[in-house]
Amino acid sequence: MRISAEELTKNGIGRYIHLDTDNIVGTNFDNTTLNHIDLVVNYYDANIFKERCNVRLDKREKIKASRRIHLYKTYNVPFKSLFEFAWCFFQSTTLVEEWCNDQFRQISVDRSLSVIKM
């Protein structure tokens, strides 16, 4: 399974998280490990940014960033760590909350306590 999320700003910057796991959907959350997680900053030139704003990552559509900076990559981490990375990396708490609720309905994420509840 692969997951990607990108927070776009008005000035053509995208904060992008990508991860994958060999575990199948439905695997017990506590036992799921990510093969890796990447934190990337994408920069889109103006014309490319317009195209990017019309692309949906959940449809596996892609627009290549004009420039890309890989800030962080780590391997073999618990799936639960994704939420802490998202809270720290993305600026919009609304984005993270909606993403968690949409993608991981059975999980309640309490940001004030930085705790994941099942």
PDB file of N, CA and C in Angstrom:
ATOM      1  N   MET A   1       0.846  -1.162   0.000  1.00  0.00           N
ATOM      2  CA  MET A   1       0.000   0.000   0.000  1.00  0.00           C
ATOM      3  C   MET A   1       0.897   1.232   0.000  1.00  0.00           C
ATOM      4  N   ARG A   2       0.495   2.233  -0.802  1.00  0.00           N
ATOM      5  CA  ARG A   2       1.223   3.497  -0.864  1.00  0.00           C
ATOM      6  C   ARG A   2       0.257   4.624  -0.526  1.00  0.00           C
ATOM      7  N   ILE A   3       0.762   5.601   0.197  1.00  0.00           N
ATOM      8  CA  ILE A   3      -0.040   6.756   0.560  1.00  0.00           C
ATOM      9  C   ILE A   3       0.780   8.014   0.294  1.00  0.00           C
ATOM     10  N   SER A   4       0.117   9.027  -0.269  1.00  0.00           N
ATOM     11  CA  SER A   4       0.737  10.326  -0.493  1.00  0.00           C
ATOM     12  C   SER A   4      -0.245  11.411  -0.082  1.00  0.00           C
ATOM     13  N   ALA A   5       0.292  12.483   0.465  1.00  0.00           N
ATOM     14  CA  ALA A   5      -0.513  13.657   0.790  1.00  0.00           C
ATOM     15  C   ALA A   5       0.364  14.875   0.552  1.00  0.00           C
ATOM     16  N   GLU A   6      -0.255  15.927   0.008  1.00  0.00           N
ATOM     17  CA  GLU A   6       0.504  17.154  -0.249  1.00  0.00           C
ATOM     18  C   GLU A   6      -0.337  18.359   0.140  1.00  0.00           C
ATOM     19  N   GLU A   7       0.281  19.239   0.899  1.00  0.00           N
ATOM     20  CA  GLU A   7      -0.331  20.506   1.291  1.00  0.00           C
ATOM     21  C   GLU A   7       0.242  21.581   0.372  1.00  0.00           C
ATOM     22  N   LEU A   8      -0.638  22.208  -0.407  1.00  0.00           N
ATOM     23  CA  LEU A   8      -0.204  23.234  -1.348  1.00  0.00           C
ATOM     24  C   LEU A   8      -0.418  24.626  -0.768  1.00  0.00           C
ATOM     25  N   THR A   9       0.553  25.514  -1.014  1.00  0.00           N
ATOM     26  CA  THR A   9       0.410  26.913  -0.619  1.00  0.00           C
ATOM     27  C   THR A   9       0.120  27.741  -1.863  1.00  0.00           C
ATOM     28  N   LYS A  10      -0.256  28.987  -1.672  1.00  0.00           N
ATOM     29  CA  LYS A  10      -0.593  29.850  -2.802  1.00  0.00           C
ATOM     30  C   LYS A  10       0.623  30.249  -3.630  1.00  0.00           C
ATOM     31  N   ASN A  11       1.816  30.107  -3.063  1.00  0.00           N
ATOM     32  CA  ASN A  11       3.022  30.537  -3.782  1.00  0.00           C
ATOM     33  C   ASN A  11       3.755  29.397  -4.489  1.00  0.00           C
ATOM     34  N   GLY A  12       3.081  28.275  -4.706  1.00  0.00           N
ATOM     35  CA  GLY A  12       3.669  27.186  -5.483  1.00  0.00           C
ATOM     36  C   GLY A  12       4.517  26.211  -4.700  1.00  0.00           C
ATOM     37  N   ILE A  13       4.417  26.239  -3.400  1.00  0.00           N
ATOM     38  CA  ILE A  13       5.163  25.309  -2.548  1.00  0.00           C
ATOM     39  C   ILE A  13       4.223  24.188  -2.112  1.00  0.00           C
ATOM     40  N   GLY A  14       4.722  22.958  -2.147  1.00  0.00           N
ATOM     41  CA  GLY A  14       3.953  21.824  -1.672  1.00  0.00           C
ATOM     42  C   GLY A  14       4.735  21.053  -0.626  1.00  0.00           C
ATOM     43  N   ARG A  15       4.122  20.837   0.522  1.00  0.00           N
ATOM     44  CA  ARG A  15       4.706  19.957   1.539  1.00  0.00           C
ATOM     45  C   ARG A  15       4.121  18.569   1.281  1.00  0.00           C
ATOM     46  N   TYR A  16       4.972  17.610   1.003  1.00  0.00           N
ATOM     47  CA  TYR A  16       4.546  16.313   0.480  1.00  0.00           C
ATOM     48  C   TYR A  16       5.042  15.190   1.391  1.00  0.00           C
ATOM     49  N   ILE A  17       4.131  14.308   1.774  1.00  0.00           N
ATOM     50  CA  ILE A  17       4.483  13.106   2.544  1.00  0.00           C
ATOM     51  C   ILE A  17       4.162  11.901   1.681  1.00  0.00           C
ATOM     52  N   HIS A  18       5.110  11.007   1.593  1.00  0.00           N
ATOM     53  CA  HIS A  18       4.910   9.757   0.858  1.00  0.00           C
ATOM     54  C   HIS A  18       5.360   8.608   1.747  1.00  0.00           C
ATOM     55  N   LEU A  19       4.636   7.510   1.694  1.00  0.00           N
ATOM     56  CA  LEU A  19       5.017   6.338   2.477  1.00  0.00           C
ATOM     57  C   LEU A  19       4.525   5.085   1.791  1.00  0.00           C
ATOM     58  N   ASP A  20       5.097   3.959   2.182  1.00  0.00           N
ATOM     59  CA  ASP A  20       4.563   2.685   1.723  1.00  0.00           C
ATOM     60  C   ASP A  20       4.766   1.618   2.790  1.00  0.00           C
ATOM     61  N   THR A  21       3.963   0.577   2.656  1.00  0.00           N
ATOM     62  CA  THR A  21       4.027  -0.561   3.570  1.00  0.00           C
ATOM     63  C   THR A  21       3.712  -1.819   2.782  1.00  0.00           C
ATOM     64  N   ASP A  22       4.239  -2.930   3.231  1.00  0.00           N
ATOM     65  CA  ASP A  22       3.913  -4.226   2.625  1.00  0.00           C
ATOM     66  C   ASP A  22       2.681  -4.839   3.263  1.00  0.00           C
ATOM     67  N   ASN A  23       2.223  -4.258   4.386  1.00  0.00           N
ATOM     68  CA  ASN A  23       1.030  -4.770   5.045  1.00  0.00           C
ATOM     69  C   ASN A  23      -0.203  -4.461   4.197  1.00  0.00           C
ATOM     70  N   ILE A  24      -1.158  -5.371   4.198  1.00  0.00           N
ATOM     71  CA  ILE A  24      -2.380  -5.179   3.423  1.00  0.00           C
ATOM     72  C   ILE A  24      -3.401  -4.399   4.239  1.00  0.00           C
ATOM     73  N   VAL A  25      -4.350  -3.783   3.548  1.00  0.00           N
ATOM     74  CA  VAL A  25      -5.436  -3.071   4.215  1.00  0.00           C
ATOM     75  C   VAL A  25      -6.150  -4.060   5.129  1.00  0.00           C
ATOM     76  N   GLY A  26      -6.410  -3.632   6.350  1.00  0.00           N
ATOM     77  CA  GLY A  26      -7.069  -4.493   7.324  1.00  0.00           C
ATOM     78  C   GLY A  26      -6.117  -5.113   8.329  1.00  0.00           C
ATOM     79  N   THR A  27      -4.802  -4.977   8.098  1.00  0.00           N
ATOM     80  CA  THR A  27      -3.830  -5.476   9.068  1.00  0.00           C
ATOM     81  C   THR A  27      -4.001  -4.704  10.370  1.00  0.00           C
ATOM     82  N   ASN A  28      -3.877  -5.388  11.491  1.00  0.00           N
ATOM     83  CA  ASN A  28      -3.983  -4.728  12.789  1.00  0.00           C
ATOM     84  C   ASN A  28      -3.047  -3.529  12.809  1.00  0.00           C
ATOM     85  N   PHE A  29      -3.621  -2.381  13.148  1.00  0.00           N
ATOM     86  CA  PHE A  29      -2.881  -1.123  13.098  1.00  0.00           C
ATOM     87  C   PHE A  29      -1.622  -1.155  13.964  1.00  0.00           C
ATOM     88  N   ASP A  30      -1.714  -1.778  15.119  1.00  0.00           N
ATOM     89  CA  ASP A  30      -0.559  -1.831  16.027  1.00  0.00           C
ATOM     90  C   ASP A  30       0.593  -2.652  15.456  1.00  0.00           C
ATOM     91  N   ASN A  31       0.294  -3.526  14.500  1.00  0.00           N
ATOM     92  CA  ASN A  31       1.319  -4.395  13.929  1.00  0.00           C
ATOM     93  C   ASN A  31       1.806  -3.936  12.560  1.00  0.00           C
ATOM     94  N   THR A  32       1.353  -2.780  12.116  1.00  0.00           N
ATOM     95  CA  THR A  32       1.704  -2.300  10.782  1.00  0.00           C
ATOM     96  C   THR A  32       2.959  -1.440  10.841  1.00  0.00           C
ATOM     97  N   THR A  33       3.892  -1.758   9.947  1.00  0.00           N
ATOM     98  CA  THR A  33       5.153  -1.032   9.855  1.00  0.00           C
ATOM     99  C   THR A  33       5.269  -0.407   8.480  1.00  0.00           C
ATOM    100  N   LEU A  34       5.766   0.822   8.440  1.00  0.00           N
ATOM    101  CA  LEU A  34       6.035   1.484   7.173  1.00  0.00           C
ATOM    102  C   LEU A  34       7.404   1.064   6.661  1.00  0.00           C
ATOM    103  N   ASN A  35       7.485   0.744   5.388  1.00  0.00           N
ATOM    104  CA  ASN A  35       8.802   0.482   4.799  1.00  0.00           C
ATOM    105  C   ASN A  35       9.646   1.749   4.850  1.00  0.00           C
ATOM    106  N   HIS A  36       9.001   2.867   4.524  1.00  0.00           N
ATOM    107  CA  HIS A  36       9.684   4.154   4.613  1.00  0.00           C
ATOM    108  C   HIS A  36       8.639   5.265   4.645  1.00  0.00           C
ATOM    109  N   ILE A  37       9.085   6.433   5.077  1.00  0.00           N
ATOM    110  CA  ILE A  37       8.287   7.655   5.000  1.00  0.00           C
ATOM    111  C   ILE A  37       9.220   8.773   4.545  1.00  0.00           C
ATOM    112  N   ASP A  38       8.752   9.564   3.582  1.00  0.00           N
ATOM    113  CA  ASP A  38       9.511  10.693   3.040  1.00  0.00           C
ATOM    114  C   ASP A  38       8.802  11.990   3.372  1.00  0.00           C
ATOM    115  N   LEU A  39       9.566  13.009   3.707  1.00  0.00           N
ATOM    116  CA  LEU A  39       9.064  14.378   3.826  1.00  0.00           C
ATOM    117  C   LEU A  39       9.782  15.191   2.757  1.00  0.00           C
ATOM    118  N   VAL A  40       9.009  15.790   1.870  1.00  0.00           N
ATOM    119  CA  VAL A  40       9.566  16.461   0.694  1.00  0.00           C
ATOM    120  C   VAL A  40       8.936  17.843   0.551  1.00  0.00           C
ATOM    121  N   VAL A  41       9.728  18.807   0.109  1.00  0.00           N
ATOM    122  CA  VAL A  41       9.186  20.102  -0.273  1.00  0.00           C
ATOM    123  C   VAL A  41       9.274  20.179  -1.797  1.00  0.00           C
ATOM    124  N   ASN A  42       8.118  20.375  -2.416  1.00  0.00           N
ATOM    125  CA  ASN A  42       8.040  20.546  -3.866  1.00  0.00           C
ATOM    126  C   ASN A  42       7.847  22.021  -4.174  1.00  0.00           C
ATOM    127  N   TYR A  43       8.505  22.485  -5.232  1.00  0.00           N
ATOM    128  CA  TYR A  43       8.267  23.828  -5.738  1.00  0.00           C
ATOM    129  C   TYR A  43       7.759  23.703  -7.164  1.00  0.00           C
ATOM    130  N   TYR A  44       6.666  24.389  -7.455  1.00  0.00           N
ATOM    131  CA  TYR A  44       6.069  24.360  -8.779  1.00  0.00           C
ATOM    132  C   TYR A  44       6.154  25.751  -9.402  1.00  0.00           C
ATOM    133  N   ASP A  45       6.755  25.849 -10.607  1.00  0.00           N
ATOM    134  CA  ASP A  45       6.704  27.105 -11.356  1.00  0.00           C
ATOM    135  C   ASP A  45       5.239  27.443 -11.610  1.00  0.00           C
ATOM    136  N   ALA A  46       4.940  28.721 -11.891  1.00  0.00           N
ATOM    137  CA  ALA A  46       3.557  29.198 -11.974  1.00  0.00           C
ATOM    138  C   ALA A  46       2.678  28.375 -12.904  1.00  0.00           C
ATOM    139  N   ASN A  47       3.149  28.090 -14.124  1.00  0.00           N
ATOM    140  CA  ASN A  47       2.315  27.337 -15.063  1.00  0.00           C
ATOM    141  C   ASN A  47       2.117  25.886 -14.612  1.00  0.00           C
ATOM    142  N   ILE A  48       3.124  25.297 -14.030  1.00  0.00           N
ATOM    143  CA  ILE A  48       3.014  23.916 -13.537  1.00  0.00           C
ATOM    144  C   ILE A  48       2.132  23.879 -12.291  1.00  0.00           C
ATOM    145  N   PHE A  49       2.217  24.923 -11.460  1.00  0.00           N
ATOM    146  CA  PHE A  49       1.393  24.977 -10.257  1.00  0.00           C
ATOM    147  C   PHE A  49      -0.094  24.980 -10.601  1.00  0.00           C
ATOM    148  N   LYS A  50      -0.469  25.690 -11.653  1.00  0.00           N
ATOM    149  CA  LYS A  50      -1.872  25.698 -12.082  1.00  0.00           C
ATOM    150  C   LYS A  50      -2.326  24.280 -12.432  1.00  0.00           C
ATOM    151  N   GLU A  51      -1.471  23.541 -13.125  1.00  0.00           N
ATOM    152  CA  GLU A  51      -1.796  22.149 -13.461  1.00  0.00           C
ATOM    153  C   GLU A  51      -1.897  21.303 -12.194  1.00  0.00           C
ATOM    154  N   ARG A  52      -0.937  21.500 -11.274  1.00  0.00           N
ATOM    155  CA  ARG A  52      -0.917  20.699 -10.044  1.00  0.00           C
ATOM    156  C   ARG A  52      -2.187  20.892  -9.230  1.00  0.00           C
ATOM    157  N   CYS A  53      -2.712  22.090  -9.210  1.00  0.00           N
ATOM    158  CA  CYS A  53      -3.927  22.370  -8.435  1.00  0.00           C
ATOM    159  C   CYS A  53      -5.137  21.606  -8.960  1.00  0.00           C
ATOM    160  N   ASN A  54      -5.075  21.108 -10.179  1.00  0.00           N
ATOM    161  CA  ASN A  54      -6.171  20.346 -10.765  1.00  0.00           C
ATOM    162  C   ASN A  54      -5.946  18.838 -10.742  1.00  0.00           C
ATOM    163  N   VAL A  55      -4.904  18.400 -10.065  1.00  0.00           N
ATOM    164  CA  VAL A  55      -4.556  16.978 -10.010  1.00  0.00           C
ATOM    165  C   VAL A  55      -4.878  16.431  -8.634  1.00  0.00           C
ATOM    166  N   ARG A  56      -5.408  15.217  -8.609  1.00  0.00           N
ATOM    167  CA  ARG A  56      -5.740  14.551  -7.337  1.00  0.00           C
ATOM    168  C   ARG A  56      -4.795  13.375  -7.106  1.00  0.00           C
ATOM    169  N   LEU A  57      -4.098  13.404  -5.989  1.00  0.00           N
ATOM    170  CA  LEU A  57      -3.174  12.320  -5.679  1.00  0.00           C
ATOM    171  C   LEU A  57      -3.906  10.995  -5.480  1.00  0.00           C
ATOM    172  N   ASP A  58      -5.143  11.057  -4.967  1.00  0.00           N
ATOM    173  CA  ASP A  58      -5.877   9.813  -4.726  1.00  0.00           C
ATOM    174  C   ASP A  58      -6.303   9.140  -6.029  1.00  0.00           C
ATOM    175  N   LYS A  59      -6.191   9.828  -7.133  1.00  0.00           N
ATOM    176  CA  LYS A  59      -6.483   9.252  -8.448  1.00  0.00           C
ATOM    177  C   LYS A  59      -5.200   8.816  -9.149  1.00  0.00           C
ATOM    178  N   ARG A  60      -4.091   8.871  -8.413  1.00  0.00           N
ATOM    179  CA  ARG A  60      -2.762   8.512  -8.923  1.00  0.00           C
ATOM    180  C   ARG A  60      -2.319   9.380 -10.098  1.00  0.00           C
ATOM    181  N   GLU A  61      -2.845  10.595 -10.140  1.00  0.00           N
ATOM    182  CA  GLU A  61      -2.417  11.553 -11.144  1.00  0.00           C
ATOM    183  C   GLU A  61      -1.152  12.233 -10.624  1.00  0.00           C
ATOM    184  N   LYS A  62      -0.258  12.595 -11.526  1.00  0.00           N
ATOM    185  CA  LYS A  62       0.991  13.216 -11.090  1.00  0.00           C
ATOM    186  C   LYS A  62       1.359  14.385 -11.980  1.00  0.00           C
ATOM    187  N   ILE A  63       1.917  15.381 -11.359  1.00  0.00           N
ATOM    188  CA  ILE A  63       2.549  16.505 -12.048  1.00  0.00           C
ATOM    189  C   ILE A  63       3.940  16.631 -11.435  1.00  0.00           C
ATOM    190  N   LYS A  64       4.950  16.626 -12.261  1.00  0.00           N
ATOM    191  CA  LYS A  64       6.317  16.701 -11.759  1.00  0.00           C
ATOM    192  C   LYS A  64       6.622  18.109 -11.260  1.00  0.00           C
ATOM    193  N   ALA A  65       7.135  18.196 -10.041  1.00  0.00           N
ATOM    194  CA  ALA A  65       7.523  19.479  -9.460  1.00  0.00           C
ATOM    195  C   ALA A  65       8.699  20.070 -10.235  1.00  0.00           C
ATOM    196  N   SER A  66       8.765  21.393 -10.262  1.00  0.00           N
ATOM    197  CA  SER A  66       9.881  22.076 -10.919  1.00  0.00           C
ATOM    198  C   SER A  66      11.185  21.816 -10.171  1.00  0.00           C
ATOM    199  N   ARG A  67      11.081  21.846  -8.848  1.00  0.00           N
ATOM    200  CA  ARG A  67      12.216  21.527  -7.967  1.00  0.00           C
ATOM    201  C   ARG A  67      11.688  20.720  -6.800  1.00  0.00           C
ATOM    202  N   ARG A  68      12.532  19.867  -6.269  1.00  0.00           N
ATOM    203  CA  ARG A  68      12.105  18.967  -5.199  1.00  0.00           C
ATOM    204  C   ARG A  68      13.240  18.822  -4.198  1.00  0.00           C
ATOM    205  N   ILE A  69      12.922  19.014  -2.926  1.00  0.00           N
ATOM    206  CA  ILE A  69      13.937  18.888  -1.877  1.00  0.00           C
ATOM    207  C   ILE A  69      13.475  17.813  -0.897  1.00  0.00           C
ATOM    208  N   HIS A  70      14.247  16.755  -0.794  1.00  0.00           N
ATOM    209  CA  HIS A  70      13.953  15.695   0.172  1.00  0.00           C
ATOM    210  C   HIS A  70      14.543  16.109   1.513  1.00  0.00           C
ATOM    211  N   LEU A  71      13.669  16.354   2.477  1.00  0.00           N
ATOM    212  CA  LEU A  71      14.119  16.814   3.787  1.00  0.00           C
ATOM    213  C   LEU A  71      14.447  15.672   4.730  1.00  0.00           C
ATOM    214  N   TYR A  72      13.662  14.601   4.616  1.00  0.00           N
ATOM    215  CA  TYR A  72      13.797  13.538   5.618  1.00  0.00           C
ATOM    216  C   TYR A  72      13.273  12.238   5.040  1.00  0.00           C
ATOM    217  N   LYS A  73      13.961  11.154   5.351  1.00  0.00           N
ATOM    218  CA  LYS A  73      13.498   9.822   4.983  1.00  0.00           C
ATOM    219  C   LYS A  73      13.922   8.872   6.078  1.00  0.00           C
ATOM    220  N   THR A  74      12.993   8.028   6.507  1.00  0.00           N
ATOM    221  CA  THR A  74      13.315   7.035   7.513  1.00  0.00           C
ATOM    222  C   THR A  74      12.652   5.715   7.140  1.00  0.00           C
ATOM    223  N   TYR A  75      13.197   4.636   7.636  1.00  0.00           N
ATOM    224  CA  TYR A  75      12.755   3.296   7.258  1.00  0.00           C
ATOM    225  C   TYR A  75      12.253   2.516   8.472  1.00  0.00           C
ATOM    226  N   ASN A  76      11.340   1.580   8.184  1.00  0.00           N
ATOM    227  CA  ASN A  76      10.863   0.604   9.176  1.00  0.00           C
ATOM    228  C   ASN A  76      10.390   1.265  10.469  1.00  0.00           C
ATOM    229  N   VAL A  77       9.406   2.139  10.333  1.00  0.00           N
ATOM    230  CA  VAL A  77       8.834   2.815  11.498  1.00  0.00           C
ATOM    231  C   VAL A  77       7.377   2.390  11.668  1.00  0.00           C
ATOM    232  N   PRO A  78       6.853   2.450  12.880  1.00  0.00           N
ATOM    233  CA  PRO A  78       5.444   2.102  13.097  1.00  0.00           C
ATOM    234  C   PRO A  78       4.533   3.020  12.278  1.00  0.00           C
ATOM    235  N   PHE A  79       3.466   2.452  11.748  1.00  0.00           N
ATOM    236  CA  PHE A  79       2.512   3.236  10.968  1.00  0.00           C
ATOM    237  C   PHE A  79       2.000   4.427  11.766  1.00  0.00           C
ATOM    238  N   LYS A  80       1.804   4.248  13.063  1.00  0.00           N
ATOM    239  CA  LYS A  80       1.298   5.326  13.918  1.00  0.00           C
ATOM    240  C   LYS A  80       2.170   6.577  13.866  1.00  0.00           C
ATOM    241  N   SER A  81       3.441   6.410  13.565  1.00  0.00           N
ATOM    242  CA  SER A  81       4.333   7.574  13.511  1.00  0.00           C
ATOM    243  C   SER A  81       3.951   8.523  12.382  1.00  0.00           C
ATOM    244  N   LEU A  82       3.222   8.044  11.390  1.00  0.00           N
ATOM    245  CA  LEU A  82       2.767   8.901  10.298  1.00  0.00           C
ATOM    246  C   LEU A  82       2.052  10.139  10.824  1.00  0.00           C
ATOM    247  N   PHE A  83       1.213   9.968  11.832  1.00  0.00           N
ATOM    248  CA  PHE A  83       0.415  11.083  12.325  1.00  0.00           C
ATOM    249  C   PHE A  83       1.283  12.154  12.981  1.00  0.00           C
ATOM    250  N   GLU A  84       2.283  11.755  13.714  1.00  0.00           N
ATOM    251  CA  GLU A  84       3.194  12.741  14.318  1.00  0.00           C
ATOM    252  C   GLU A  84       3.977  13.483  13.238  1.00  0.00           C
ATOM    253  N   PHE A  85       4.429  12.744  12.214  1.00  0.00           N
ATOM    254  CA  PHE A  85       5.109  13.411  11.102  1.00  0.00           C
ATOM    255  C   PHE A  85       4.177  14.425  10.443  1.00  0.00           C
ATOM    256  N   ALA A  86       2.934  14.041  10.213  1.00  0.00           N
ATOM    257  CA  ALA A  86       1.973  14.939   9.560  1.00  0.00           C
ATOM    258  C   ALA A  86       1.715  16.181  10.403  1.00  0.00           C
ATOM    259  N   TRP A  87       1.522  16.012  11.709  1.00  0.00           N
ATOM    260  CA  TRP A  87       1.265  17.175  12.579  1.00  0.00           C
ATOM    261  C   TRP A  87       2.448  18.134  12.569  1.00  0.00           C
ATOM    262  N   CYS A  88       3.656  17.595  12.540  1.00  0.00           N
ATOM    263  CA  CYS A  88       4.851  18.445  12.576  1.00  0.00           C
ATOM    264  C   CYS A  88       5.147  19.096  11.222  1.00  0.00           C
ATOM    265  N   PHE A  89       4.849  18.399  10.133  1.00  0.00           N
ATOM    266  CA  PHE A  89       5.271  18.837   8.808  1.00  0.00           C
ATOM    267  C   PHE A  89       4.263  19.762   8.132  1.00  0.00           C
ATOM    268  N   PHE A  90       2.992  19.417   8.167  1.00  0.00           N
ATOM    269  CA  PHE A  90       1.971  20.240   7.523  1.00  0.00           C
ATOM    270  C   PHE A  90       1.625  21.431   8.408  1.00  0.00           C
ATOM    271  N   GLN A  91       1.328  22.564   7.800  1.00  0.00           N
ATOM    272  CA  GLN A  91       0.957  23.755   8.562  1.00  0.00           C
ATOM    273  C   GLN A  91      -0.521  23.743   8.947  1.00  0.00           C
ATOM    274  N   SER A  92      -1.356  23.152   8.129  1.00  0.00           N
ATOM    275  CA  SER A  92      -2.804  23.180   8.354  1.00  0.00           C
ATOM    276  C   SER A  92      -3.255  22.031   9.253  1.00  0.00           C
ATOM    277  N   THR A  93      -3.721  22.380  10.445  1.00  0.00           N
ATOM    278  CA  THR A  93      -4.256  21.328  11.322  1.00  0.00           C
ATOM    279  C   THR A  93      -5.555  20.773  10.753  1.00  0.00           C
ATOM    280  N   THR A  94      -6.315  21.607  10.053  1.00  0.00           N
ATOM    281  CA  THR A  94      -7.563  21.145   9.434  1.00  0.00           C
ATOM    282  C   THR A  94      -7.264  20.080   8.390  1.00  0.00           C
ATOM    283  N   LEU A  95      -6.232  20.286   7.583  1.00  0.00           N
ATOM    284  CA  LEU A  95      -5.846  19.296   6.581  1.00  0.00           C
ATOM    285  C   LEU A  95      -5.539  17.961   7.234  1.00  0.00           C
ATOM    286  N   VAL A  96      -4.736  17.979   8.282  1.00  0.00           N
ATOM    287  CA  VAL A  96      -4.344  16.730   8.950  1.00  0.00           C
ATOM    288  C   VAL A  96      -5.563  16.049   9.555  1.00  0.00           C
ATOM    289  N   GLU A  97      -6.414  16.814  10.220  1.00  0.00           N
ATOM    290  CA  GLU A  97      -7.612  16.221  10.826  1.00  0.00           C
ATOM    291  C   GLU A  97      -8.517  15.603   9.771  1.00  0.00           C
ATOM    292  N   GLU A  98      -8.764  16.321   8.682  1.00  0.00           N
ATOM    293  CA  GLU A  98      -9.635  15.788   7.632  1.00  0.00           C
ATOM    294  C   GLU A  98      -9.009  14.582   6.946  1.00  0.00           C
ATOM    295  N   TRP A  99      -7.703  14.627   6.726  1.00  0.00           N
ATOM    296  CA  TRP A  99      -6.995  13.500   6.105  1.00  0.00           C
ATOM    297  C   TRP A  99      -7.096  12.269   6.991  1.00  0.00           C
ATOM    298  N   CYS A 100      -6.840  12.434   8.280  1.00  0.00           N
ATOM    299  CA  CYS A 100      -6.922  11.308   9.217  1.00  0.00           C
ATOM    300  C   CYS A 100      -8.342  10.746   9.272  1.00  0.00           C
ATOM    301  N   ASN A 101      -9.332  11.626   9.342  1.00  0.00           N
ATOM    302  CA  ASN A 101     -10.720  11.172   9.410  1.00  0.00           C
ATOM    303  C   ASN A 101     -11.156  10.475   8.132  1.00  0.00           C
ATOM    304  N   ASP A 102     -10.690  10.978   6.989  1.00  0.00           N
ATOM    305  CA  ASP A 102     -11.084  10.403   5.711  1.00  0.00           C
ATOM    306  C   ASP A 102     -10.391   9.065   5.447  1.00  0.00           C
ATOM    307  N   GLN A 103      -9.104   9.015   5.700  1.00  0.00           N
ATOM    308  CA  GLN A 103      -8.330   7.819   5.374  1.00  0.00           C
ATOM    309  C   GLN A 103      -8.328   6.759   6.465  1.00  0.00           C
ATOM    310  N   PHE A 104      -8.469   7.193   7.696  1.00  0.00           N
ATOM    311  CA  PHE A 104      -8.312   6.276   8.831  1.00  0.00           C
ATOM    312  C   PHE A 104      -9.486   6.428   9.779  1.00  0.00           C
ATOM    313  N   ARG A 105     -10.665   6.118   9.315  1.00  0.00           N
ATOM    314  CA  ARG A 105     -11.906   6.371  10.053  1.00  0.00           C
ATOM    315  C   ARG A 105     -11.958   5.712  11.425  1.00  0.00           C
ATOM    316  N   GLN A 106     -11.324   4.559  11.576  1.00  0.00           N
ATOM    317  CA  GLN A 106     -11.417   3.843  12.842  1.00  0.00           C
ATOM    318  C   GLN A 106     -10.473   4.398  13.907  1.00  0.00           C
ATOM    319  N   ILE A 107      -9.702   5.428  13.552  1.00  0.00           N
ATOM    320  CA  ILE A 107      -8.705   5.977  14.467  1.00  0.00           C
ATOM    321  C   ILE A 107      -9.080   7.403  14.834  1.00  0.00           C
ATOM    322  N   SER A 108      -9.000   7.703  16.109  1.00  0.00           N
ATOM    323  CA  SER A 108      -9.235   9.064  16.578  1.00  0.00           C
ATOM    324  C   SER A 108      -7.893   9.672  16.950  1.00  0.00           C
ATOM    325  N   VAL A 109      -7.572  10.795  16.344  1.00  0.00           N
ATOM    326  CA  VAL A 109      -6.291  11.453  16.594  1.00  0.00           C
ATOM    327  C   VAL A 109      -6.547  12.684  17.445  1.00  0.00           C
ATOM    328  N   ASP A 110      -5.970  12.702  18.633  1.00  0.00           N
ATOM    329  CA  ASP A 110      -6.130  13.826  19.555  1.00  0.00           C
ATOM    330  C   ASP A 110      -4.837  14.630  19.535  1.00  0.00           C
ATOM    331  N   ARG A 111      -4.825  15.723  18.797  1.00  0.00           N
ATOM    332  CA  ARG A 111      -3.615  16.519  18.624  1.00  0.00           C
ATOM    333  C   ARG A 111      -3.147  17.144  19.917  1.00  0.00           C
ATOM    334  N   SER A 112      -4.066  17.560  20.775  1.00  0.00           N
ATOM    335  CA  SER A 112      -3.662  18.247  22.002  1.00  0.00           C
ATOM    336  C   SER A 112      -2.826  17.336  22.902  1.00  0.00           C
ATOM    337  N   LEU A 113      -3.068  16.049  22.806  1.00  0.00           N
ATOM    338  CA  LEU A 113      -2.295  15.105  23.618  1.00  0.00           C
ATOM    339  C   LEU A 113      -1.244  14.359  22.816  1.00  0.00           C
ATOM    340  N   SER A 114      -1.255  14.586  21.479  1.00  0.00           N
ATOM    341  CA  SER A 114      -0.375  13.847  20.562  1.00  0.00           C
ATOM    342  C   SER A 114      -0.526  12.343  20.776  1.00  0.00           C
ATOM    343  N   VAL A 115      -1.750  11.904  20.878  1.00  0.00           N
ATOM    344  CA  VAL A 115      -2.034  10.497  21.142  1.00  0.00           C
ATOM    345  C   VAL A 115      -2.933   9.953  20.049  1.00  0.00           C
ATOM    346  N   ILE A 116      -2.714   8.729  19.668  1.00  0.00           N
ATOM    347  CA  ILE A 116      -3.581   8.061  18.724  1.00  0.00           C
ATOM    348  C   ILE A 116      -4.412   7.049  19.494  1.00  0.00           C
ATOM    349  N   LYS A 117      -5.715   7.154  19.369  1.00  0.00           N
ATOM    350  CA  LYS A 117      -6.602   6.248  20.079  1.00  0.00           C
ATOM    351  C   LYS A 117      -7.282   5.325  19.088  1.00  0.00           C
ATOM    352  N   MET A 118      -7.414   4.078  19.443  1.00  0.00           N
ATOM    353  CA  MET A 118      -8.092   3.094  18.582  1.00  0.00           C
ATOM    354  C   MET A 118      -9.513   2.925  19.040  1.00  0.00           C
TER     355      MET A 118
END
